[in-house]
Amino acid sequence: MFYDLVMFLQDSAEYMESREGEAMIGTLEFLFHGQRQEGTYVSMHQHGCYELVYYRTGRGTTRLADITYDYEPFTFTLIQPNTWHDERRFEETEVVFVGFHVNDASFSLGEGIFQVNDGNELEVLLLAMERELHDKKSHYRLKLNLLVSELVVELMRVVKPERSERTDEKLIYTRNFMNEHFNQKLNIESLAAMAGYSYDRFRHLFKETYGVSPGQYVLNRRIEHASRLLRHSRLSVTAIAMECGFSNDSQLCTIFKRETGEKPRTYRERHQGHA
């Protein structure tokens, strides 16, 4: 049985559950499962989290930034935070889409359209999440975040095939350095030298491997960290700006609004409004 519903989870329900969610690889933001009519269109929009869109039936197109993909039954798109995207349905489409945060910066997922594997573990996980949202048994938030964390692992296997494990060790080291020092001033030329490449070659290889430019990767880490602090702490926006590597609260507010569509205070109020 399928349920056509939209469920938005507020991460700040209880302090303990927030701490549990923060320790997970992934945490759920929203989930929807329903039918979309032939000929309908969703205009370009973006989210401040990852979004997975699973097409159980139907055919159409979806555009991620400036690349258009054809979708068909048993395919899914994985969309990185703040990527503009749309969707056009040529046939009636049964769709499941889930928004989630990845709390470990080392789990950086790619972007594009993919075919589900033979066992379709993806659908199994999505339907398990839906049941948890519908039934709301005790500790359902914790169970949901466990399922999202399992989903992230499955996506790492599908979206990042084994050959990506053999990525140049210097590039991996440089990315790890960026993960550890994203809140400090980083110079792309210095990072390129650290990896042993020219500036242009480093930028090309980094984007080819991780799906975003080095500068955007660092910015994404800062925005993700700021989002976590806004959801799970009582630090002022000024303190969060300093913690995340922004020069001041004004810069954080400007960039956060540009990247997520919301001001930091609005984002915090939405997530902590029911605390």
C-alpha atoms as a PDB file:
ATOM      1  CA  MET A   1       0.000   0.000   0.000  1.00  0.00           C
ATOM      2  CA  PHE A   2       1.357   3.400  -0.938  1.00  0.00           C
ATOM      3  CA  TYR A   3       0.736   6.680   0.786  1.00  0.00           C
ATOM      4  CA  ASP A   4       0.698  10.046  -0.926  1.00  0.00           C
ATOM      5  CA  LEU A   5       2.141  12.265   1.741  1.00  0.00           C
ATOM      6  CA  VAL A   6       4.655  14.899   2.549  1.00  0.00           C
ATOM      7  CA  MET A   7       6.392  14.635   5.908  1.00  0.00           C
ATOM      8  CA  PHE A   8       8.847  17.278   7.018  1.00  0.00           C
ATOM      9  CA  LEU A   9      10.953  16.252  10.019  1.00  0.00           C
ATOM     10  CA  GLN A  10      12.042  18.839  12.530  1.00  0.00           C
ATOM     11  CA  ASP A  11      15.468  17.746  13.817  1.00  0.00           C
ATOM     12  CA  SER A  12      15.003  19.636  17.062  1.00  0.00           C
ATOM     13  CA  ALA A  13      12.148  17.575  18.539  1.00  0.00           C
ATOM     14  CA  GLU A  14      14.138  16.525  21.603  1.00  0.00           C
ATOM     15  CA  TYR A  15      17.737  17.113  22.594  1.00  0.00           C
ATOM     16  CA  MET A  16      18.641  13.427  22.748  1.00  0.00           C
ATOM     17  CA  GLU A  17      17.107  12.664  19.377  1.00  0.00           C
ATOM     18  CA  SER A  18      18.974  15.612  17.898  1.00  0.00           C
ATOM     19  CA  ARG A  19      22.230  14.277  19.271  1.00  0.00           C
ATOM     20  CA  GLU A  20      21.425  10.804  17.948  1.00  0.00           C
ATOM     21  CA  GLY A  21      20.650  12.234  14.511  1.00  0.00           C
ATOM     22  CA  GLU A  22      23.853  14.241  14.506  1.00  0.00           C
ATOM     23  CA  ALA A  23      25.881  11.040  15.124  1.00  0.00           C
ATOM     24  CA  MET A  24      24.346   9.309  12.102  1.00  0.00           C
ATOM     25  CA  ILE A  25      25.887   9.399   8.642  1.00  0.00           C
ATOM     26  CA  GLY A  26      22.606  10.796   7.330  1.00  0.00           C
ATOM     27  CA  THR A  27      19.453  12.473   8.662  1.00  0.00           C
ATOM     28  CA  LEU A  28      16.072  12.746   6.960  1.00  0.00           C
ATOM     29  CA  GLU A  29      14.657  16.076   5.846  1.00  0.00           C
ATOM     30  CA  PHE A  30      11.547  15.073   3.850  1.00  0.00           C
ATOM     31  CA  LEU A  31       9.896  12.154   2.072  1.00  0.00           C
ATOM     32  CA  PHE A  32       7.111  12.045  -0.529  1.00  0.00           C
ATOM     33  CA  HIS A  33       5.522   9.154  -2.442  1.00  0.00           C
ATOM     34  CA  GLY A  34       2.792   9.722  -4.995  1.00  0.00           C
ATOM     35  CA  GLN A  35       1.512   9.797  -8.575  1.00  0.00           C
ATOM     36  CA  ARG A  36       2.262  12.633 -10.957  1.00  0.00           C
ATOM     37  CA  GLN A  37       0.088  13.141 -14.016  1.00  0.00           C
ATOM     38  CA  GLU A  38       1.229  12.984 -17.633  1.00  0.00           C
ATOM     39  CA  GLY A  39       2.144  16.373 -19.064  1.00  0.00           C
ATOM     40  CA  THR A  40       2.850  18.047 -15.730  1.00  0.00           C
ATOM     41  CA  TYR A  41       5.994  20.048 -15.031  1.00  0.00           C
ATOM     42  CA  VAL A  42       7.913  21.118 -11.927  1.00  0.00           C
ATOM     43  CA  SER A  43       9.917  24.279 -12.600  1.00  0.00           C
ATOM     44  CA  MET A  44      13.550  24.836 -11.623  1.00  0.00           C
ATOM     45  CA  HIS A  45      14.066  24.785  -7.858  1.00  0.00           C
ATOM     46  CA  GLN A  46      16.687  23.760  -5.310  1.00  0.00           C
ATOM     47  CA  HIS A  47      17.046  22.337  -1.808  1.00  0.00           C
ATOM     48  CA  GLY A  48      19.607  22.839   0.929  1.00  0.00           C
ATOM     49  CA  CYS A  49      20.112  19.084   1.219  1.00  0.00           C
ATOM     50  CA  TYR A  50      20.699  16.079  -1.001  1.00  0.00           C
ATOM     51  CA  GLU A  51      17.611  14.859  -2.862  1.00  0.00           C
ATOM     52  CA  LEU A  52      17.036  11.406  -4.295  1.00  0.00           C
ATOM     53  CA  VAL A  53      14.183  11.051  -6.807  1.00  0.00           C
ATOM     54  CA  TYR A  54      13.173   7.447  -7.541  1.00  0.00           C
ATOM     55  CA  TYR A  55      11.013   6.790 -10.605  1.00  0.00           C
ATOM     56  CA  ARG A  56       9.030   3.599 -10.053  1.00  0.00           C
ATOM     57  CA  THR A  57       6.980   4.060 -13.231  1.00  0.00           C
ATOM     58  CA  GLY A  58       6.697   6.588 -16.039  1.00  0.00           C
ATOM     59  CA  ARG A  59       8.969   8.424 -18.435  1.00  0.00           C
ATOM     60  CA  GLY A  60      10.105  12.002 -18.765  1.00  0.00           C
ATOM     61  CA  THR A  61      13.089  14.303 -18.366  1.00  0.00           C
ATOM     62  CA  THR A  62      14.823  16.008 -15.489  1.00  0.00           C
ATOM     63  CA  ARG A  63      17.397  18.759 -15.756  1.00  0.00           C
ATOM     64  CA  LEU A  64      20.162  19.079 -13.164  1.00  0.00           C
ATOM     65  CA  ALA A  65      21.814  22.481 -13.576  1.00  0.00           C
ATOM     66  CA  ASP A  66      22.518  22.572 -17.341  1.00  0.00           C
ATOM     67  CA  ILE A  67      22.352  18.794 -18.035  1.00  0.00           C
ATOM     68  CA  THR A  68      19.076  17.118 -19.097  1.00  0.00           C
ATOM     69  CA  TYR A  69      18.506  13.409 -18.381  1.00  0.00           C
ATOM     70  CA  ASP A  70      15.800  11.007 -19.536  1.00  0.00           C
ATOM     71  CA  TYR A  71      14.188   9.015 -16.744  1.00  0.00           C
ATOM     72  CA  GLU A  72      12.354   5.688 -17.057  1.00  0.00           C
ATOM     73  CA  PRO A  73      11.032   3.042 -14.625  1.00  0.00           C
ATOM     74  CA  PHE A  74      13.504   1.929 -11.939  1.00  0.00           C
ATOM     75  CA  THR A  75      15.913   4.819 -12.403  1.00  0.00           C
ATOM     76  CA  PHE A  76      16.740   7.501  -9.868  1.00  0.00           C
ATOM     77  CA  THR A  77      18.419  10.876  -9.823  1.00  0.00           C
ATOM     78  CA  LEU A  78      20.733  11.976  -7.045  1.00  0.00           C
ATOM     79  CA  ILE A  79      20.885  15.745  -6.679  1.00  0.00           C
ATOM     80  CA  GLN A  80      23.489  17.568  -4.626  1.00  0.00           C
ATOM     81  CA  PRO A  81      22.530  20.378  -2.236  1.00  0.00           C
ATOM     82  CA  ASN A  82      21.606  23.657  -3.926  1.00  0.00           C
ATOM     83  CA  THR A  83      21.621  22.255  -7.484  1.00  0.00           C
ATOM     84  CA  TRP A  84      18.844  23.805  -9.565  1.00  0.00           C
ATOM     85  CA  HIS A  85      16.662  21.102 -11.140  1.00  0.00           C
ATOM     86  CA  ASP A  86      13.299  20.541 -12.804  1.00  0.00           C
ATOM     87  CA  GLU A  87      11.125  17.630 -13.960  1.00  0.00           C
ATOM     88  CA  ARG A  88       8.861  17.100 -16.980  1.00  0.00           C
ATOM     89  CA  ARG A  89       6.577  14.030 -17.164  1.00  0.00           C
ATOM     90  CA  PHE A  90       5.743  12.512 -20.552  1.00  0.00           C
ATOM     91  CA  GLU A  91       3.809   9.671 -18.869  1.00  0.00           C
ATOM     92  CA  GLU A  92       2.008   9.304 -15.552  1.00  0.00           C
ATOM     93  CA  THR A  93       4.812   8.754 -13.067  1.00  0.00           C
ATOM     94  CA  GLU A  94       4.943   7.077  -9.682  1.00  0.00           C
ATOM     95  CA  VAL A  95       7.709   8.854  -7.839  1.00  0.00           C
ATOM     96  CA  VAL A  96       9.368   8.710  -4.438  1.00  0.00           C
ATOM     97  CA  PHE A  97      11.640  11.545  -3.443  1.00  0.00           C
ATOM     98  CA  VAL A  98      13.587  11.924  -0.259  1.00  0.00           C
ATOM     99  CA  GLY A  99      15.658  14.818   1.047  1.00  0.00           C
ATOM    100  CA  PHE A 100      18.480  14.118   3.455  1.00  0.00           C
ATOM    101  CA  HIS A 101      21.591  15.607   5.004  1.00  0.00           C
ATOM    102  CA  VAL A 102      24.961  13.833   4.985  1.00  0.00           C
ATOM    103  CA  ASN A 103      26.589  14.580   8.333  1.00  0.00           C
ATOM    104  CA  ASP A 104      30.037  13.194   7.499  1.00  0.00           C
ATOM    105  CA  ALA A 105      31.865  15.349   4.956  1.00  0.00           C
ATOM    106  CA  SER A 106      33.933  12.350   3.811  1.00  0.00           C
ATOM    107  CA  PHE A 107      30.733  10.847   2.358  1.00  0.00           C
ATOM    108  CA  SER A 108      30.508  13.214  -0.600  1.00  0.00           C
ATOM    109  CA  LEU A 109      28.008  11.840  -3.115  1.00  0.00           C
ATOM    110  CA  GLY A 110      28.027  12.460  -6.840  1.00  0.00           C
ATOM    111  CA  GLU A 111      25.166  13.659  -9.002  1.00  0.00           C
ATOM    112  CA  GLY A 112      23.291  12.335 -12.036  1.00  0.00           C
ATOM    113  CA  ILE A 113      20.834   9.622 -13.049  1.00  0.00           C
ATOM    114  CA  PHE A 114      21.363   5.946 -12.233  1.00  0.00           C
ATOM    115  CA  GLN A 115      19.756   2.522 -12.666  1.00  0.00           C
ATOM    116  CA  VAL A 116      18.711   0.614  -9.539  1.00  0.00           C
ATOM    117  CA  ASN A 117      20.626  -2.601  -8.898  1.00  0.00           C
ATOM    118  CA  ASP A 118      19.189  -6.091  -9.402  1.00  0.00           C
ATOM    119  CA  GLY A 119      18.041  -6.527  -5.800  1.00  0.00           C
ATOM    120  CA  ASN A 120      16.534  -3.013  -5.756  1.00  0.00           C
ATOM    121  CA  GLU A 121      17.721  -2.361  -2.192  1.00  0.00           C
ATOM    122  CA  LEU A 122      16.902   1.280  -2.886  1.00  0.00           C
ATOM    123  CA  GLU A 123      13.148   0.659  -3.098  1.00  0.00           C
ATOM    124  CA  VAL A 124      13.264  -1.604  -0.040  1.00  0.00           C
ATOM    125  CA  LEU A 125      14.873   1.180   2.000  1.00  0.00           C
ATOM    126  CA  LEU A 126      12.534   3.897   0.722  1.00  0.00           C
ATOM    127  CA  LEU A 127       9.416   1.873   1.519  1.00  0.00           C
ATOM    128  CA  ALA A 128      10.807   1.039   4.968  1.00  0.00           C
ATOM    129  CA  MET A 129      11.230   4.779   5.599  1.00  0.00           C
ATOM    130  CA  GLU A 130       7.682   5.391   4.450  1.00  0.00           C
ATOM    131  CA  ARG A 131       6.334   2.781   6.864  1.00  0.00           C
ATOM    132  CA  GLU A 132       8.247   4.363   9.743  1.00  0.00           C
ATOM    133  CA  LEU A 133       6.823   7.797   8.899  1.00  0.00           C
ATOM    134  CA  HIS A 134       3.309   6.425   8.641  1.00  0.00           C
ATOM    135  CA  ASP A 135       3.323   4.210  11.747  1.00  0.00           C
ATOM    136  CA  LYS A 136       5.369   6.519  14.010  1.00  0.00           C
ATOM    137  CA  LYS A 137       6.300   3.796  16.466  1.00  0.00           C
ATOM    138  CA  SER A 138       8.518   4.628  19.436  1.00  0.00           C
ATOM    139  CA  HIS A 139      11.967   5.939  18.438  1.00  0.00           C
ATOM    140  CA  TYR A 140      10.844   6.236  14.821  1.00  0.00           C
ATOM    141  CA  ARG A 141      13.100   9.258  14.224  1.00  0.00           C
ATOM    142  CA  LEU A 142      16.126   7.248  15.271  1.00  0.00           C
ATOM    143  CA  LYS A 143      15.043   4.368  13.023  1.00  0.00           C
ATOM    144  CA  LEU A 144      14.531   6.771  10.113  1.00  0.00           C
ATOM    145  CA  ASN A 145      18.029   8.175  10.454  1.00  0.00           C
ATOM    146  CA  LEU A 146      19.436   4.650  10.639  1.00  0.00           C
ATOM    147  CA  LEU A 147      17.645   3.893   7.361  1.00  0.00           C
ATOM    148  CA  VAL A 148      18.923   7.122   5.789  1.00  0.00           C
ATOM    149  CA  SER A 149      22.465   6.226   6.864  1.00  0.00           C
ATOM    150  CA  GLU A 150      22.040   2.817   5.227  1.00  0.00           C
ATOM    151  CA  LEU A 151      20.735   4.581   2.119  1.00  0.00           C
ATOM    152  CA  VAL A 152      23.871   6.754   1.977  1.00  0.00           C
ATOM    153  CA  VAL A 153      26.052   3.628   2.074  1.00  0.00           C
ATOM    154  CA  GLU A 154      24.034   2.055  -0.763  1.00  0.00           C
ATOM    155  CA  LEU A 155      24.371   5.251  -2.782  1.00  0.00           C
ATOM    156  CA  MET A 156      28.127   5.260  -2.242  1.00  0.00           C
ATOM    157  CA  ARG A 157      28.191   1.789  -3.802  1.00  0.00           C
ATOM    158  CA  VAL A 158      25.998   2.723  -6.767  1.00  0.00           C
ATOM    159  CA  VAL A 159      27.057   6.300  -7.440  1.00  0.00           C
ATOM    160  CA  LYS A 160      30.748   5.820  -6.633  1.00  0.00           C
ATOM    161  CA  PRO A 161      31.798   2.498  -8.180  1.00  0.00           C
ATOM    162  CA  GLU A 162      34.810   0.574  -6.920  1.00  0.00           C
ATOM    163  CA  ARG A 163      37.181   2.245  -9.345  1.00  0.00           C
ATOM    164  CA  SER A 164      36.691   5.522  -7.467  1.00  0.00           C
ATOM    165  CA  GLU A 165      38.438   3.860  -4.495  1.00  0.00           C
ATOM    166  CA  ARG A 166      41.607   3.979  -6.589  1.00  0.00           C
ATOM    167  CA  THR A 167      41.435   7.744  -7.011  1.00  0.00           C
ATOM    168  CA  ASP A 168      44.876   9.361  -6.948  1.00  0.00           C
ATOM    169  CA  GLU A 169      46.108   9.207  -3.341  1.00  0.00           C
ATOM    170  CA  LYS A 170      47.366  12.800  -3.450  1.00  0.00           C
ATOM    171  CA  LEU A 171      43.900  13.965  -4.521  1.00  0.00           C
ATOM    172  CA  ILE A 172      42.327  11.988  -1.668  1.00  0.00           C
ATOM    173  CA  TYR A 173      44.841  13.463   0.782  1.00  0.00           C
ATOM    174  CA  THR A 174      44.074  16.970  -0.461  1.00  0.00           C
ATOM    175  CA  ARG A 175      40.325  16.424  -0.146  1.00  0.00           C
ATOM    176  CA  ASN A 176      40.806  15.086   3.399  1.00  0.00           C
ATOM    177  CA  PHE A 177      42.854  18.196   4.182  1.00  0.00           C
ATOM    178  CA  MET A 178      39.970  20.321   2.879  1.00  0.00           C
ATOM    179  CA  ASN A 179      37.520  18.371   5.064  1.00  0.00           C
ATOM    180  CA  GLU A 180      39.652  19.053   8.137  1.00  0.00           C
ATOM    181  CA  HIS A 181      40.385  22.712   7.396  1.00  0.00           C
ATOM    182  CA  PHE A 182      37.293  23.932   5.498  1.00  0.00           C
ATOM    183  CA  ASN A 183      36.714  26.609   8.154  1.00  0.00           C
ATOM    184  CA  GLN A 184      40.121  28.146   7.495  1.00  0.00           C
ATOM    185  CA  LYS A 185      41.267  30.268   4.572  1.00  0.00           C
ATOM    186  CA  LEU A 186      42.199  27.841   1.779  1.00  0.00           C
ATOM    187  CA  ASN A 187      44.034  28.810  -1.390  1.00  0.00           C
ATOM    188  CA  ILE A 188      43.233  26.702  -4.473  1.00  0.00           C
ATOM    189  CA  GLU A 189      46.723  27.211  -5.906  1.00  0.00           C
ATOM    190  CA  SER A 190      48.238  25.864  -2.675  1.00  0.00           C
ATOM    191  CA  LEU A 191      45.857  22.896  -2.698  1.00  0.00           C
ATOM    192  CA  ALA A 192      46.841  22.150  -6.307  1.00  0.00           C
ATOM    193  CA  ALA A 193      50.513  22.219  -5.333  1.00  0.00           C
ATOM    194  CA  MET A 194      49.761  19.908  -2.400  1.00  0.00           C
ATOM    195  CA  ALA A 195      48.198  17.422  -4.838  1.00  0.00           C
ATOM    196  CA  GLY A 196      51.095  17.801  -7.272  1.00  0.00           C
ATOM    197  CA  TYR A 197      49.061  19.301 -10.125  1.00  0.00           C
ATOM    198  CA  SER A 198      48.832  22.588 -11.943  1.00  0.00           C
ATOM    199  CA  TYR A 199      45.959  24.866 -10.938  1.00  0.00           C
ATOM    200  CA  ASP A 200      43.862  24.049 -14.022  1.00  0.00           C
ATOM    201  CA  ARG A 201      44.586  20.304 -13.913  1.00  0.00           C
ATOM    202  CA  PHE A 202      43.716  20.126 -10.219  1.00  0.00           C
ATOM    203  CA  ARG A 203      40.394  21.908 -10.713  1.00  0.00           C
ATOM    204  CA  HIS A 204      39.513  19.608 -13.627  1.00  0.00           C
ATOM    205  CA  LEU A 205      40.436  16.383 -11.800  1.00  0.00           C
ATOM    206  CA  PHE A 206      38.742  17.441  -8.585  1.00  0.00           C
ATOM    207  CA  LYS A 207      35.459  18.262 -10.302  1.00  0.00           C
ATOM    208  CA  GLU A 208      35.627  15.088 -12.405  1.00  0.00           C
ATOM    209  CA  THR A 209      36.167  12.981  -9.268  1.00  0.00           C
ATOM    210  CA  TYR A 210      33.921  14.683  -6.717  1.00  0.00           C
ATOM    211  CA  GLY A 211      31.320  16.380  -8.893  1.00  0.00           C
ATOM    212  CA  VAL A 212      32.015  19.975  -7.808  1.00  0.00           C
ATOM    213  CA  SER A 213      34.859  22.471  -8.091  1.00  0.00           C
ATOM    214  CA  PRO A 214      37.326  22.727  -5.169  1.00  0.00           C
ATOM    215  CA  GLY A 215      35.945  26.124  -4.196  1.00  0.00           C
ATOM    216  CA  GLN A 216      32.352  24.876  -4.218  1.00  0.00           C
ATOM    217  CA  TYR A 217      33.378  21.783  -2.251  1.00  0.00           C
ATOM    218  CA  VAL A 218      34.792  23.947   0.540  1.00  0.00           C
ATOM    219  CA  LEU A 219      31.741  26.201   0.444  1.00  0.00           C
ATOM    220  CA  ASN A 220      29.431  23.167   0.662  1.00  0.00           C
ATOM    221  CA  ARG A 221      31.300  21.942   3.750  1.00  0.00           C
ATOM    222  CA  ARG A 222      30.901  25.373   5.364  1.00  0.00           C
ATOM    223  CA  ILE A 223      27.190  25.544   4.557  1.00  0.00           C
ATOM    224  CA  GLU A 224      26.616  21.972   5.801  1.00  0.00           C
ATOM    225  CA  HIS A 225      28.418  22.741   9.074  1.00  0.00           C
ATOM    226  CA  ALA A 226      26.521  26.003   9.499  1.00  0.00           C
ATOM    227  CA  SER A 227      23.249  24.140   8.888  1.00  0.00           C
ATOM    228  CA  ARG A 228      24.091  21.577  11.586  1.00  0.00           C
ATOM    229  CA  LEU A 229      24.977  24.302  14.083  1.00  0.00           C
ATOM    230  CA  LEU A 230      21.785  26.202  13.304  1.00  0.00           C
ATOM    231  CA  ARG A 231      19.750  23.034  13.868  1.00  0.00           C
ATOM    232  CA  HIS A 232      21.531  21.622  16.893  1.00  0.00           C
ATOM    233  CA  SER A 233      23.129  24.515  18.823  1.00  0.00           C
ATOM    234  CA  ARG A 234      22.221  27.819  20.411  1.00  0.00           C
ATOM    235  CA  LEU A 235      25.280  29.633  19.073  1.00  0.00           C
ATOM    236  CA  SER A 236      24.637  33.090  17.662  1.00  0.00           C
ATOM    237  CA  VAL A 237      24.774  33.591  13.907  1.00  0.00           C
ATOM    238  CA  THR A 238      27.963  35.615  14.409  1.00  0.00           C
ATOM    239  CA  ALA A 239      29.595  32.756  16.341  1.00  0.00           C
ATOM    240  CA  ILE A 240      28.495  30.254  13.697  1.00  0.00           C
ATOM    241  CA  ALA A 241      29.977  32.451  10.963  1.00  0.00           C
ATOM    242  CA  MET A 242      33.346  32.429  12.751  1.00  0.00           C
ATOM    243  CA  GLU A 243      33.133  28.669  13.425  1.00  0.00           C
ATOM    244  CA  CYS A 244      32.464  27.906   9.750  1.00  0.00           C
ATOM    245  CA  GLY A 245      35.143  30.105   8.210  1.00  0.00           C
ATOM    246  CA  PHE A 246      33.089  33.103   7.095  1.00  0.00           C
ATOM    247  CA  SER A 247      34.576  36.545   7.646  1.00  0.00           C
ATOM    248  CA  ASN A 248      31.481  37.860   9.453  1.00  0.00           C
ATOM    249  CA  ASP A 249      27.775  37.206   9.978  1.00  0.00           C
ATOM    250  CA  SER A 250      26.870  39.383   6.997  1.00  0.00           C
ATOM    251  CA  GLN A 251      28.895  37.181   4.647  1.00  0.00           C
ATOM    252  CA  LEU A 252      27.326  34.042   6.138  1.00  0.00           C
ATOM    253  CA  CYS A 253      23.812  35.455   5.724  1.00  0.00           C
ATOM    254  CA  THR A 254      24.432  36.468   2.107  1.00  0.00           C
ATOM    255  CA  ILE A 255      26.015  33.167   1.051  1.00  0.00           C
ATOM    256  CA  PHE A 256      23.633  30.988   3.083  1.00  0.00           C
ATOM    257  CA  LYS A 257      20.623  32.716   1.477  1.00  0.00           C
ATOM    258  CA  ARG A 258      22.171  32.354  -1.990  1.00  0.00           C
ATOM    259  CA  GLU A 259      22.982  28.665  -1.535  1.00  0.00           C
ATOM    260  CA  THR A 260      19.890  27.470   0.376  1.00  0.00           C
ATOM    261  CA  GLY A 261      17.204  30.030  -0.417  1.00  0.00           C
ATOM    262  CA  GLU A 262      16.763  30.895   3.281  1.00  0.00           C
ATOM    263  CA  LYS A 263      18.376  33.281   5.731  1.00  0.00           C
ATOM    264  CA  PRO A 264      20.162  31.551   8.642  1.00  0.00           C
ATOM    265  CA  ARG A 265      17.637  32.796  11.199  1.00  0.00           C
ATOM    266  CA  THR A 266      14.708  31.644   9.053  1.00  0.00           C
ATOM    267  CA  TYR A 267      16.342  28.236   8.634  1.00  0.00           C
ATOM    268  CA  ARG A 268      16.897  27.959  12.408  1.00  0.00           C
ATOM    269  CA  GLU A 269      13.324  28.999  13.220  1.00  0.00           C
ATOM    270  CA  ARG A 270      11.930  26.422  10.785  1.00  0.00           C
ATOM    271  CA  HIS A 271      13.959  23.621  12.376  1.00  0.00           C
ATOM    272  CA  GLN A 272      13.709  24.697  16.009  1.00  0.00           C
ATOM    273  CA  GLY A 273      10.245  26.209  15.917  1.00  0.00           C
ATOM    274  CA  HIS A 274       8.673  23.269  17.729  1.00  0.00           C
ATOM    275  CA  ALA A 275      11.468  22.708  20.216  1.00  0.00           C
END
